[in-house]
Amino acid sequence: MSSVRAAVVSDSYSARLCRAHNDANLIALGGRVMGAELAKRIVDIFLETEFLGQQHAVRIGMFPEIEKRN
């Protein structure tokens, strides 16, 4: 079973980092907070960004244990 790792994103920087560092696989965009062009740019950046792994993978690997406890 794969986990959902969601992030609220309002700019291109956070779109890039939530993928690269947290391996997010879902983003939430505020419909009243940004225009359509910014939303498209954010989605493009999110989809194009690769997970960096390495030290970030250690943190992501902790999620299943945390989920079991909660």
N, C-alpha and C. Protein backbone atom coordinates (compact mmCIF):
# COMPACT_ATOMS: atom_id res chain seq x y z
N MET A 1 0.84 -1.18 0.00
CA MET A 1 0.00 0.00 0.00
C MET A 1 0.89 1.24 0.00
N SER A 2 0.64 2.15 -0.90
CA SER A 2 1.45 3.37 -0.94
C SER A 2 0.76 4.47 -0.14
N SER A 3 1.57 5.34 0.41
CA SER A 3 1.07 6.42 1.24
C SER A 3 0.81 7.67 0.42
N VAL A 4 -0.12 8.47 0.91
CA VAL A 4 -0.36 9.78 0.33
C VAL A 4 0.51 10.77 1.10
N ARG A 5 1.30 11.52 0.35
CA ARG A 5 2.14 12.56 0.94
C ARG A 5 1.74 13.86 0.28
N ALA A 6 0.87 14.61 0.93
CA ALA A 6 0.29 15.81 0.34
C ALA A 6 0.94 17.07 0.89
N ALA A 7 0.91 18.13 0.07
CA ALA A 7 1.45 19.42 0.47
C ALA A 7 0.55 20.53 -0.07
N VAL A 8 0.34 21.55 0.75
CA VAL A 8 -0.32 22.76 0.28
C VAL A 8 0.76 23.62 -0.34
N VAL A 9 0.54 24.02 -1.59
CA VAL A 9 1.57 24.73 -2.35
C VAL A 9 0.99 26.06 -2.86
N SER A 10 1.76 27.12 -2.66
CA SER A 10 1.30 28.43 -3.14
C SER A 10 2.34 29.15 -4.00
N ASP A 11 3.49 28.50 -4.23
CA ASP A 11 4.53 29.11 -5.05
C ASP A 11 5.41 28.02 -5.66
N SER A 12 6.22 28.42 -6.62
CA SER A 12 7.06 27.45 -7.32
C SER A 12 8.13 26.85 -6.42
N TYR A 13 8.64 27.63 -5.49
CA TYR A 13 9.67 27.15 -4.57
C TYR A 13 9.15 25.99 -3.72
N SER A 14 7.97 26.17 -3.13
CA SER A 14 7.42 25.10 -2.29
C SER A 14 7.02 23.89 -3.14
N ALA A 15 6.61 24.11 -4.38
CA ALA A 15 6.28 22.98 -5.27
C ALA A 15 7.52 22.13 -5.52
N ARG A 16 8.65 22.79 -5.75
CA ARG A 16 9.89 22.07 -6.00
C ARG A 16 10.36 21.33 -4.75
N LEU A 17 10.35 22.00 -3.62
CA LEU A 17 10.88 21.38 -2.40
C LEU A 17 10.01 20.25 -1.87
N CYS A 18 8.69 20.37 -1.99
CA CYS A 18 7.85 19.29 -1.46
C CYS A 18 8.07 18.00 -2.24
N ARG A 19 8.42 18.10 -3.52
CA ARG A 19 8.76 16.90 -4.30
C ARG A 19 10.17 16.43 -3.99
N ALA A 20 11.12 17.36 -4.05
CA ALA A 20 12.54 17.00 -3.93
C ALA A 20 12.88 16.48 -2.55
N HIS A 21 12.30 17.05 -1.51
CA HIS A 21 12.68 16.68 -0.14
C HIS A 21 11.69 15.75 0.54
N ASN A 22 10.41 15.87 0.23
CA ASN A 22 9.39 15.09 0.94
C ASN A 22 8.72 14.04 0.07
N ASP A 23 9.09 13.96 -1.18
CA ASP A 23 8.51 13.00 -2.11
C ASP A 23 6.99 13.08 -2.13
N ALA A 24 6.47 14.32 -2.06
CA ALA A 24 5.01 14.52 -2.09
C ALA A 24 4.46 13.96 -3.39
N ASN A 25 3.29 13.36 -3.31
CA ASN A 25 2.67 12.82 -4.51
C ASN A 25 1.29 13.44 -4.77
N LEU A 26 0.98 14.49 -4.02
CA LEU A 26 -0.27 15.20 -4.19
C LEU A 26 -0.07 16.63 -3.71
N ILE A 27 -0.59 17.60 -4.46
CA ILE A 27 -0.54 18.99 -4.00
C ILE A 27 -1.94 19.56 -3.96
N ALA A 28 -2.13 20.52 -3.08
CA ALA A 28 -3.39 21.25 -2.96
C ALA A 28 -3.10 22.71 -3.27
N LEU A 29 -3.90 23.28 -4.16
CA LEU A 29 -3.75 24.67 -4.56
C LEU A 29 -5.02 25.44 -4.18
N GLY A 30 -4.84 26.63 -3.64
CA GLY A 30 -5.99 27.46 -3.28
C GLY A 30 -6.57 28.13 -4.50
N GLY A 31 -7.82 27.85 -4.81
CA GLY A 31 -8.47 28.41 -5.99
C GLY A 31 -8.65 29.91 -5.94
N ARG A 32 -8.79 30.46 -4.78
CA ARG A 32 -8.99 31.90 -4.65
C ARG A 32 -7.70 32.64 -4.31
N VAL A 33 -6.61 31.90 -4.22
CA VAL A 33 -5.35 32.47 -3.78
C VAL A 33 -4.43 32.80 -4.95
N MET A 34 -4.59 32.11 -6.06
CA MET A 34 -3.67 32.31 -7.18
C MET A 34 -4.42 32.27 -8.51
N GLY A 35 -3.78 32.85 -9.51
CA GLY A 35 -4.35 32.82 -10.84
C GLY A 35 -4.06 31.52 -11.56
N ALA A 36 -4.71 31.35 -12.69
CA ALA A 36 -4.58 30.11 -13.46
C ALA A 36 -3.16 29.89 -13.97
N GLU A 37 -2.50 30.93 -14.42
CA GLU A 37 -1.15 30.76 -14.96
C GLU A 37 -0.15 30.32 -13.90
N LEU A 38 -0.25 30.91 -12.72
CA LEU A 38 0.64 30.49 -11.62
C LEU A 38 0.33 29.05 -11.24
N ALA A 39 -0.94 28.69 -11.18
CA ALA A 39 -1.31 27.31 -10.84
C ALA A 39 -0.73 26.33 -11.86
N LYS A 40 -0.80 26.66 -13.14
CA LYS A 40 -0.23 25.78 -14.17
C LYS A 40 1.28 25.65 -14.01
N ARG A 41 1.94 26.77 -13.72
CA ARG A 41 3.39 26.74 -13.54
C ARG A 41 3.77 25.86 -12.34
N ILE A 42 3.03 26.01 -11.25
CA ILE A 42 3.29 25.22 -10.04
C ILE A 42 3.12 23.72 -10.34
N VAL A 43 2.07 23.37 -11.03
CA VAL A 43 1.82 21.96 -11.37
C VAL A 43 2.94 21.43 -12.26
N ASP A 44 3.36 22.20 -13.24
CA ASP A 44 4.46 21.78 -14.11
C ASP A 44 5.73 21.53 -13.32
N ILE A 45 6.08 22.44 -12.44
CA ILE A 45 7.28 22.29 -11.61
C ILE A 45 7.17 21.06 -10.73
N PHE A 46 6.01 20.87 -10.11
CA PHE A 46 5.79 19.71 -9.25
C PHE A 46 5.99 18.41 -10.04
N LEU A 47 5.41 18.33 -11.22
CA LEU A 47 5.49 17.10 -12.02
C LEU A 47 6.89 16.85 -12.58
N GLU A 48 7.64 17.90 -12.82
CA GLU A 48 8.98 17.76 -13.40
C GLU A 48 10.08 17.50 -12.36
N THR A 49 9.79 17.76 -11.10
CA THR A 49 10.81 17.65 -10.05
C THR A 49 10.93 16.20 -9.58
N GLU A 50 12.16 15.75 -9.46
CA GLU A 50 12.46 14.39 -8.98
C GLU A 50 12.73 14.42 -7.48
N PHE A 51 12.39 13.34 -6.82
CA PHE A 51 12.73 13.16 -5.41
C PHE A 51 14.24 12.97 -5.30
N LEU A 52 14.89 13.71 -4.42
CA LEU A 52 16.34 13.65 -4.29
C LEU A 52 16.84 12.43 -3.54
N GLY A 53 15.97 11.80 -2.77
CA GLY A 53 16.38 10.60 -2.04
C GLY A 53 17.41 10.91 -0.97
N GLN A 54 18.44 10.10 -0.87
CA GLN A 54 19.53 10.24 0.07
C GLN A 54 19.03 10.50 1.48
N GLN A 55 19.48 11.61 2.10
CA GLN A 55 19.11 11.88 3.49
C GLN A 55 17.60 12.09 3.65
N HIS A 56 16.94 12.53 2.60
CA HIS A 56 15.49 12.73 2.66
C HIS A 56 14.76 11.40 2.71
N ALA A 57 15.32 10.38 2.09
CA ALA A 57 14.69 9.06 2.08
C ALA A 57 14.61 8.46 3.48
N VAL A 58 15.56 8.80 4.32
CA VAL A 58 15.53 8.30 5.70
C VAL A 58 14.27 8.80 6.40
N ARG A 59 13.98 10.10 6.24
CA ARG A 59 12.79 10.68 6.86
C ARG A 59 11.52 10.06 6.29
N ILE A 60 11.46 9.91 4.98
CA ILE A 60 10.28 9.33 4.34
C ILE A 60 10.09 7.89 4.81
N GLY A 61 11.18 7.18 5.03
CA GLY A 61 11.11 5.81 5.51
C GLY A 61 10.53 5.68 6.91
N MET A 62 10.53 6.77 7.66
CA MET A 62 9.96 6.77 9.01
C MET A 62 8.43 6.87 9.01
N PHE A 63 7.84 7.31 7.93
CA PHE A 63 6.40 7.53 7.89
C PHE A 63 5.56 6.30 8.22
N PRO A 64 5.85 5.12 7.65
CA PRO A 64 5.01 3.95 7.97
C PRO A 64 4.99 3.63 9.47
N GLU A 65 6.12 3.76 10.15
CA GLU A 65 6.15 3.49 11.58
C GLU A 65 5.33 4.52 12.35
N ILE A 66 5.41 5.76 11.97
CA ILE A 66 4.61 6.81 12.60
C ILE A 66 3.14 6.55 12.38
N GLU A 67 2.77 6.15 11.16
CA GLU A 67 1.37 5.85 10.85
C GLU A 67 0.85 4.68 11.68
N LYS A 68 1.68 3.67 11.92
CA LYS A 68 1.26 2.52 12.73
C LYS A 68 0.96 2.95 14.16
N ARG A 69 1.77 3.85 14.70
CA ARG A 69 1.58 4.30 16.08
C ARG A 69 0.33 5.17 16.23
N ASN A 70 -0.06 5.82 15.17
CA ASN A 70 -1.21 6.72 15.25
C ASN A 70 -2.40 6.04 14.64
